[in-house]
């Protein structure tokens, strides 16, 4: 019987598979054997591994590297401006400054604050500024309008600029601050006032005279090293330059320029005053003056001087005796006058007493006469006529009584 080729091939493959089956079984057996051995070895090593867990953990922790922090970024001011020269008291100026990130990482959320202290104020606007980010090595510029206060002191005065910012280091966010101070010079105005010089009116040749000049320091700063001098043709001075010294704020005084004219007529001179203002700068002021100098008075003749010298002077005790004599005479005159006045008063009092006595006697006599029988009309007339006048009566009453007596 003939077998088809296809069927022959399938049988051959079946036979082949049957012949390889023992090898596969052997391989599987070996794999299983090795797996069992590995399992046994693992179970034997497990207790030792568990015993060394603590030591292994400590060793692993000590060996782990500590992360190193990066450098902190620094912000500095590289340049600033405030104008030309110095800032006068009460004057406005613009403070401009440039700041740079000198670190290796960027900074963010930066806040910049400008503080002028007791000498400067912000002239409009704000003194705080915000910047989102400033990369490493980059710089920014900011300007601030400011004003020097009236109470500011002269000289270099500080302005503080503060920086506050954040940065990322090793995936950790940190913050830092930085304060930087810049100096702005402040100047006080020169208010050292010198008044017009006072020139003498009676200057004479070869006679020392003085020109005076008043001064006052109206500024808020002190004036230092004040010196004064006078120069000109026809004058001589014993001290070429006189040192006045320092003049405090609000102080005043006077400077005297002493000199001796050597020629008559009009002399042109110059007064110099040098000093240092509150900023330490040298200042100089000059005042021209004209002095009218007269000739000296003529000296008296020698003969007249000889006569005057020949006359002796009166001793002092002579004048003392003369004064004593005058005083004595005055005292005597006063005493005599007082005595005479007392005597006159005594005589006048005695005369008054006598008049009163006589008047009383006359009244009694007239009373006796009146008692005699006399006709009514005649008796009345006679009594009235014969009555004496009272002492001290005025002239009219006495005259009336005399008239009645005559009738």
Protein backbone atom coordinates (compact mmCIF):
# COMPACT_ATOMS: atom_id res chain seq x y z
CA UNK A 1 0.00 0.00 0.00
CA UNK A 2 1.34 3.32 -1.04
CA UNK A 3 1.29 6.11 1.61
CA UNK A 4 0.84 9.66 0.42
CA UNK A 5 3.73 12.00 0.79
CA UNK A 6 1.83 14.43 3.03
CA UNK A 7 0.96 11.74 5.40
CA UNK A 8 4.56 10.60 5.45
CA UNK A 9 5.76 14.04 6.43
CA UNK A 10 3.28 14.31 9.27
CA UNK A 11 4.35 11.02 10.61
CA UNK A 12 7.97 11.93 10.43
CA UNK A 13 7.22 15.10 12.42
CA UNK A 14 5.32 13.07 14.98
CA UNK A 15 8.20 10.67 15.35
CA UNK A 16 10.61 13.53 15.72
CA UNK A 17 8.54 15.14 18.47
CA UNK A 18 8.36 11.82 20.21
CA UNK A 19 12.11 11.41 20.09
CA UNK A 20 12.78 15.00 21.65
CA UNK A 21 10.36 14.63 24.51
CA UNK A 22 12.91 12.99 26.94
CA UNK A 23 15.32 15.98 26.57
CA UNK A 24 12.65 18.47 27.38
CA UNK A 25 11.70 16.53 30.45
CA UNK A 26 15.28 16.49 31.58
CA UNK A 27 15.59 20.26 31.14
CA UNK A 28 12.49 20.84 33.13
CA UNK A 29 13.77 18.62 35.88
CA UNK A 30 17.02 20.52 36.07
CA UNK A 31 15.20 23.88 36.29
CA UNK A 32 13.06 22.59 39.09
CA UNK A 33 16.12 21.30 40.91
CA UNK A 34 17.93 24.64 40.72
CA UNK A 35 14.84 26.49 41.87
CA UNK A 36 14.54 24.27 44.91
CA UNK A 37 18.21 24.83 45.74
CA UNK A 38 17.88 28.55 45.48
CA UNK A 39 14.85 28.50 47.74
CA UNK A 40 16.71 26.51 50.36
CA UNK A 41 19.71 28.92 50.26
CA UNK A 42 17.40 31.91 50.61
CA UNK A 43 15.68 30.47 53.63
CA UNK A 44 19.03 29.80 55.26
CA UNK A 45 20.33 33.36 54.72
CA UNK A 46 17.14 35.13 55.90
CA UNK A 47 17.89 35.19 59.71
CA UNK A 48 21.38 36.73 59.22
CA UNK A 49 19.97 39.41 56.96
CA UNK A 50 17.33 40.29 59.51
CA UNK A 51 19.99 40.54 62.24
CA UNK A 52 22.06 43.04 60.25
CA UNK A 53 19.14 45.29 59.24
CA UNK A 54 19.95 47.97 61.90
CA UNK A 55 23.64 48.13 61.07
CA UNK A 56 22.93 48.23 57.35
CA UNK A 57 20.50 51.10 57.81
CA UNK A 58 23.03 53.16 59.84
CA UNK A 59 25.73 52.51 57.28
CA UNK A 60 23.43 53.56 54.46
CA UNK A 61 22.48 56.76 56.31
CA UNK A 62 26.09 57.75 57.00
CA UNK A 63 27.14 57.12 53.50
CA UNK A 64 24.35 59.23 51.96
CA UNK A 65 25.87 62.60 50.69
CA UNK A 66 24.64 65.90 52.35
CA UNK A 67 23.41 68.42 49.79
CA UNK A 68 25.61 71.59 49.71
CA UNK A 69 23.81 74.97 49.59
CA UNK A 70 24.70 77.26 46.76
CA UNK A 71 26.10 80.79 47.21
CA UNK A 72 23.68 83.46 48.44
CA UNK A 73 23.08 86.11 45.76
CA UNK A 74 24.33 89.57 46.67
CA UNK A 75 22.72 92.84 45.51
CA UNK A 76 25.00 95.88 45.43
CA UNK A 77 24.72 99.47 44.19
CA UNK A 78 27.25 100.02 41.46
CA UNK A 79 26.53 103.70 40.74
CA UNK A 80 24.40 106.60 42.00
CA UNK A 81 23.85 110.27 41.14
CA UNK A 82 22.28 113.29 42.90
CA UNK A 83 23.21 116.20 40.64
CA UNK A 84 26.17 118.55 40.43
CA UNK A 85 27.96 119.87 43.49
CA UNK A 86 26.14 119.76 46.80
CA UNK A 87 22.44 119.96 47.60
CA UNK A 88 21.41 123.25 49.30
CA UNK A 89 19.20 123.12 52.36
CA UNK A 90 15.58 123.10 51.22
CA UNK A 91 16.58 122.22 47.64
CA UNK A 92 15.13 119.43 45.48
CA UNK A 93 17.22 116.78 43.75
CA UNK A 94 16.80 113.39 42.08
CA UNK A 95 18.59 110.40 43.56
CA UNK A 96 19.34 107.82 40.86
CA UNK A 97 21.04 104.49 41.62
CA UNK A 98 21.94 101.31 39.71
CA UNK A 99 21.92 97.95 41.52
CA UNK A 100 23.22 94.61 40.25
CA UNK A 101 22.74 90.90 41.14
CA UNK A 102 26.25 89.67 41.87
CA UNK A 103 25.15 86.07 42.66
CA UNK A 104 24.92 82.93 40.48
CA UNK A 105 21.16 82.47 40.75
CA UNK A 106 18.27 84.70 39.90
CA UNK A 107 16.33 86.59 42.54
CA UNK A 108 12.61 87.29 42.51
CA UNK A 109 9.94 89.22 44.43
CA UNK A 110 12.43 92.01 45.08
CA UNK A 111 11.30 95.03 47.17
CA UNK A 112 13.54 98.14 47.23
CA UNK A 113 13.06 100.83 49.94
CA UNK A 114 14.75 104.27 50.09
CA UNK A 115 15.08 105.99 53.50
CA UNK A 116 16.41 109.56 53.74
CA UNK A 117 16.49 109.69 57.56
CA UNK A 118 16.23 113.06 59.32
CA UNK A 119 17.93 115.02 56.54
CA UNK A 120 15.99 114.07 53.39
CA UNK A 121 12.35 113.56 52.45
CA UNK A 122 10.63 112.06 49.42
CA UNK A 123 9.52 114.93 47.19
CA UNK A 124 6.38 113.29 45.83
CA UNK A 125 5.74 109.65 44.99
CA UNK A 126 6.75 106.62 47.04
CA UNK A 127 9.96 105.32 48.52
CA UNK A 128 9.19 101.60 47.88
CA UNK A 129 9.61 99.82 44.53
CA UNK A 130 8.91 96.22 43.37
CA UNK A 131 10.78 94.10 40.82
CA UNK A 132 9.55 90.66 39.70
CA UNK A 133 12.92 89.11 38.85
CA UNK A 134 16.58 90.07 38.52
CA UNK A 135 18.75 87.49 36.76
CA UNK A 136 22.29 86.67 37.85
CA UNK A 137 24.75 89.30 36.61
CA UNK A 138 22.03 91.71 35.46
CA UNK A 139 21.39 95.22 36.82
CA UNK A 140 18.49 97.68 37.12
CA UNK A 141 18.24 101.47 37.63
CA UNK A 142 15.81 103.41 39.81
CA UNK A 143 15.36 107.16 40.45
CA UNK A 144 13.70 108.84 43.44
CA UNK A 145 12.72 112.55 43.73
CA UNK A 146 13.98 113.88 47.08
CA UNK A 147 14.39 117.13 49.01
CA UNK A 148 16.92 118.29 51.58
CA UNK A 149 15.03 119.38 54.68
CA UNK A 150 15.44 122.82 56.25
CA UNK A 151 16.83 121.20 59.39
CA UNK A 152 19.43 119.17 57.49
CA UNK A 153 23.00 119.44 58.69
CA UNK A 154 25.75 120.50 56.36
CA UNK A 155 28.22 117.96 55.03
CA UNK A 156 27.76 114.43 53.68
CA UNK A 157 24.47 112.96 54.94
CA UNK A 158 23.40 109.29 54.53
CA UNK A 159 20.58 107.80 52.43
CA UNK A 160 19.84 104.11 53.09
CA UNK A 161 18.66 101.76 50.32
CA UNK A 162 17.26 98.38 51.46
CA UNK A 163 16.80 95.28 49.27
CA UNK A 164 14.57 92.32 50.18
CA UNK A 165 14.33 89.37 47.78
CA UNK A 166 13.85 85.59 47.34
CA UNK A 167 15.86 82.93 45.45
CA UNK A 168 15.77 79.12 44.82
CA UNK A 169 18.69 76.98 46.02
CA UNK A 170 18.70 73.13 45.60
CA UNK A 171 14.99 73.14 44.94
CA UNK A 172 14.46 75.09 48.20
CA UNK A 173 13.21 78.69 48.29
CA UNK A 174 15.09 81.11 50.56
CA UNK A 175 15.01 84.87 51.28
CA UNK A 176 17.65 87.47 52.04
CA UNK A 177 17.98 91.21 52.75
CA UNK A 178 20.68 93.75 52.02
CA UNK A 179 21.12 97.38 53.26
CA UNK A 180 23.36 99.81 51.40
CA UNK A 181 24.08 103.44 52.39
CA UNK A 182 25.03 106.23 50.00
CA UNK A 183 26.07 109.77 51.00
CA UNK A 184 24.69 113.01 49.60
CA UNK A 185 26.50 116.30 50.47
CA UNK A 186 24.32 119.07 51.91
CA UNK A 187 25.37 122.71 51.99
CA UNK A 188 24.12 125.60 54.13
CA UNK A 189 23.75 128.98 52.37
CA UNK A 190 26.39 131.53 53.32
CA UNK A 191 24.51 133.96 55.59
CA UNK A 192 27.46 135.56 57.37
CA UNK A 193 26.43 139.22 57.21
CA UNK A 194 28.92 142.09 57.49
CA UNK A 195 27.45 145.58 57.94
CA UNK A 196 28.85 148.75 56.40
CA UNK A 197 32.02 149.98 58.13
CA UNK A 198 31.79 153.03 60.43
CA UNK A 199 34.55 155.52 59.54
CA UNK A 200 35.78 158.03 62.20
CA UNK A 201 35.03 161.72 61.59
CA UNK A 202 37.97 163.21 63.49
CA UNK A 203 40.99 161.32 62.20
CA UNK A 204 44.27 163.15 62.71
CA UNK A 205 47.75 162.59 61.38
CA UNK A 206 49.95 160.49 63.69
CA UNK A 207 47.00 159.66 65.95
CA UNK A 208 45.69 156.11 66.10
CA UNK A 209 42.05 155.71 65.12
CA UNK A 210 39.69 152.78 64.51
CA UNK A 211 37.17 151.74 61.86
CA UNK A 212 34.45 149.43 63.24
CA UNK A 213 32.32 146.85 61.43
CA UNK A 214 29.46 144.82 62.93
CA UNK A 215 28.75 141.22 61.90
CA UNK A 216 26.10 138.53 62.55
CA UNK A 217 25.91 134.88 61.54
CA UNK A 218 22.32 134.30 60.35
CA UNK A 219 23.05 130.81 59.01
CA UNK A 220 22.45 127.49 60.77
CA UNK A 221 26.08 126.43 60.51
CA UNK A 222 29.17 127.82 62.24
CA UNK A 223 31.62 130.18 60.56
CA UNK A 224 35.27 129.31 61.17
CA UNK A 225 38.66 131.08 61.11
CA UNK A 226 37.49 134.66 60.65
CA UNK A 227 40.40 137.02 59.91
CA UNK A 228 40.39 140.79 59.27
CA UNK A 229 42.95 143.25 57.90
CA UNK A 230 43.22 146.80 56.54
CA UNK A 231 45.51 148.12 53.83
CA UNK A 232 46.04 151.39 51.98
CA UNK A 233 48.48 154.19 51.24
CA UNK A 234 49.07 156.70 54.01
CA UNK A 235 48.24 154.43 56.94
CA UNK A 236 50.23 152.28 59.33
CA UNK A 237 49.05 149.33 61.41
CA UNK A 238 50.72 147.56 64.29
CA UNK A 239 48.99 144.24 63.44
CA UNK A 240 48.68 143.38 59.78
CA UNK A 241 46.01 140.65 60.24
CA UNK A 242 43.89 140.11 63.32
CA UNK A 243 42.31 136.74 64.11
CA UNK A 244 38.65 136.98 65.15
CA UNK A 245 38.04 133.22 65.48
CA UNK A 246 34.89 131.15 65.01
CA UNK A 247 31.37 132.59 64.94
CA UNK A 248 28.57 130.26 66.05
CA UNK A 249 25.13 130.22 64.47
CA UNK A 250 23.16 133.27 65.65
CA UNK A 251 26.17 135.00 67.21
CA UNK A 252 27.12 138.63 66.49
CA UNK A 253 29.93 141.03 67.32
CA UNK A 254 32.13 143.83 66.02
CA UNK A 255 35.53 144.00 64.32
CA UNK A 256 37.84 146.95 64.96
CA UNK A 257 40.44 147.98 62.35
CA UNK A 258 43.04 150.08 64.19
CA UNK A 259 45.44 152.21 62.14
CA UNK A 260 47.46 155.42 62.26
CA UNK A 261 47.20 157.97 59.39
CA UNK A 262 50.54 159.31 58.20
CA UNK A 263 49.38 161.89 55.63
CA UNK A 264 46.55 164.47 55.72
CA UNK A 265 43.66 164.57 53.28
CA UNK A 266 41.49 161.78 51.90
CA UNK A 267 42.97 158.32 52.35
CA UNK A 268 41.56 155.35 50.40
CA UNK A 269 41.77 152.06 52.26
CA UNK A 270 40.36 148.54 51.93
CA UNK A 271 39.01 146.26 54.63
CA UNK A 272 39.45 142.50 54.09
CA UNK A 273 37.49 139.78 55.91
CA UNK A 274 38.33 136.12 55.21
CA UNK A 275 36.54 133.09 56.70
CA UNK A 276 35.38 129.51 56.06
CA UNK A 277 31.67 128.88 55.61
CA UNK A 278 29.71 125.98 57.12
CA UNK A 279 30.78 123.74 54.20
CA UNK A 280 34.45 124.44 54.85
CA UNK A 281 34.88 126.56 51.71
CA UNK A 282 37.06 129.67 51.90
CA UNK A 283 35.21 132.98 51.49
CA UNK A 284 36.58 136.51 51.16
CA UNK A 285 34.85 139.92 51.32
CA UNK A 286 36.30 143.36 50.65
CA UNK A 287 35.03 146.82 51.68
CA UNK A 288 36.58 150.05 50.27
CA UNK A 289 36.53 153.07 52.62
CA UNK A 290 37.65 156.70 52.48
CA UNK A 291 39.02 158.46 55.58
CA UNK A 292 39.37 162.25 55.89
CA UNK A 293 42.54 162.98 57.86
CA UNK A 294 43.21 166.41 59.36
CA UNK A 295 46.51 168.09 60.25
CA UNK A 296 47.50 167.82 63.91
CA UNK A 297 46.62 170.81 66.17
CA UNK A 298 49.41 173.47 66.47
CA UNK A 299 51.55 173.23 69.56
CA UNK A 300 51.61 176.23 72.00
CA UNK A 301 54.63 178.65 72.03
CA UNK A 302 57.59 177.87 74.24
CA UNK A 303 57.26 181.22 76.06
CA UNK A 304 53.67 180.53 77.03
CA UNK A 305 54.65 177.09 78.18
CA UNK A 306 57.48 178.61 80.27
CA UNK A 307 55.09 181.09 81.97
CA UNK A 308 52.62 178.37 82.73
CA UNK A 309 55.31 176.21 84.18
CA UNK A 310 56.61 179.10 86.33
CA UNK A 311 53.26 179.63 88.03
CA UNK A 312 53.10 177.51 91.15
CA UNK A 313 50.08 175.41 91.62
CA UNK A 314 47.77 176.00 94.60
CA UNK A 315 48.16 173.36 97.35
CA UNK A 316 45.15 171.23 98.08
CA UNK A 317 44.95 172.22 101.74
CA UNK A 318 44.35 175.87 100.74
CA UNK A 319 41.22 174.83 98.86
CA UNK A 320 40.15 172.73 101.85
CA UNK A 321 40.48 175.68 104.27
CA UNK A 322 38.58 177.95 101.92
CA UNK A 323 35.75 175.46 101.67
CA UNK A 324 35.68 175.10 105.47
CA UNK A 325 35.49 178.90 105.92
CA UNK A 326 32.57 179.17 103.51
CA UNK A 327 30.71 176.45 105.36
CA UNK A 328 31.33 178.16 108.72
CA UNK A 329 29.97 181.49 107.47
CA UNK A 330 26.85 179.82 106.19
CA UNK A 331 26.26 178.12 109.55
CA UNK A 332 26.68 181.40 111.50
CA UNK A 333 24.27 183.26 109.23
CA UNK A 334 21.66 180.55 109.64
CA UNK A 335 21.96 180.61 113.46
CA UNK A 336 21.68 184.44 113.67
CA UNK A 337 18.65 184.54 111.43
CA UNK A 338 16.88 181.88 113.49
CA UNK A 339 17.57 183.74 116.75
CA UNK A 340 16.24 187.02 115.38
CA UNK A 341 13.10 185.34 114.22
CA UNK A 342 12.52 183.87 117.69
CA UNK A 343 12.97 187.28 119.37
CA UNK A 344 10.55 188.95 116.97
CA UNK A 345 7.92 186.30 117.67
CA UNK A 346 8.35 186.76 121.47
CA UNK A 347 7.93 190.57 121.26
CA UNK A 348 4.81 190.24 119.15
CA UNK A 349 3.24 187.88 121.69
CA UNK A 350 3.99 190.25 124.61
CA UNK A 351 2.43 193.21 122.75
CA UNK A 352 -0.76 191.28 122.20
CA UNK A 353 -1.03 190.49 125.92
CA UNK A 354 -0.67 194.17 126.88
CA UNK A 355 -3.36 195.23 124.42
CA UNK A 356 -5.82 192.77 125.92
CA UNK A 357 -5.15 194.07 129.47
CA UNK A 358 -5.67 197.72 128.48
CA UNK A 359 -8.86 196.87 126.70
CA UNK A 360 -10.26 195.22 129.83
CA UNK A 361 -9.52 198.28 131.98
CA UNK A 362 -11.23 200.64 129.57
CA UNK A 363 -14.33 198.49 129.48
CA UNK A 364 -14.62 198.66 133.32
CA UNK A 365 -14.21 202.41 133.36
CA UNK A 366 -16.85 202.87 130.76
CA UNK A 367 -19.19 200.67 132.75
CA UNK A 368 -18.85 203.01 135.77
CA UNK A 369 -19.56 206.00 133.64
CA UNK A 370 -22.60 204.34 132.16
CA UNK A 371 -24.08 203.75 135.60
CA UNK A 372 -24.38 207.55 136.17
CA UNK A 373 -27.72 209.17 135.30
CA UNK A 374 -27.36 210.55 131.84
CA UNK A 375 -30.00 211.28 129.25
CA UNK A 376 -30.86 208.29 127.17
CA UNK A 377 -29.69 209.58 123.79
CA UNK A 378 -26.54 211.19 125.06
CA UNK A 379 -25.58 208.22 127.26
CA UNK A 380 -25.92 205.73 124.44
CA UNK A 381 -23.90 207.89 122.15
CA UNK A 382 -21.19 208.49 124.73
CA UNK A 383 -20.86 204.78 125.70
CA UNK A 384 -20.49 203.67 122.11
CA UNK A 385 -17.94 206.38 121.43
CA UNK A 386 -15.86 205.68 124.51
CA UNK A 387 -15.61 201.88 124.09
CA UNK A 388 -12.00 200.93 123.15
CA UNK A 389 -11.35 198.73 120.11
CA UNK A 390 -10.49 195.08 120.71
CA UNK A 391 -6.85 194.06 120.12
CA UNK A 392 -6.23 192.80 116.63
CA UNK A 393 -9.24 194.52 115.07
CA UNK A 394 -8.82 195.77 111.53
CA UNK A 395 -8.32 199.37 110.55
CA UNK A 396 -11.94 199.98 109.60
CA UNK A 397 -13.26 199.27 113.13
CA UNK A 398 -10.62 201.54 114.73
CA UNK A 399 -11.45 204.35 112.34
CA UNK A 400 -15.15 203.98 113.08
CA UNK A 401 -14.56 204.17 116.83
CA UNK A 402 -12.45 207.33 116.48
CA UNK A 403 -15.12 208.92 114.35
CA UNK A 404 -17.75 208.28 116.99
CA UNK A 405 -15.50 209.79 119.69
CA UNK A 406 -15.02 212.99 117.73
CA UNK A 407 -18.74 213.42 117.31
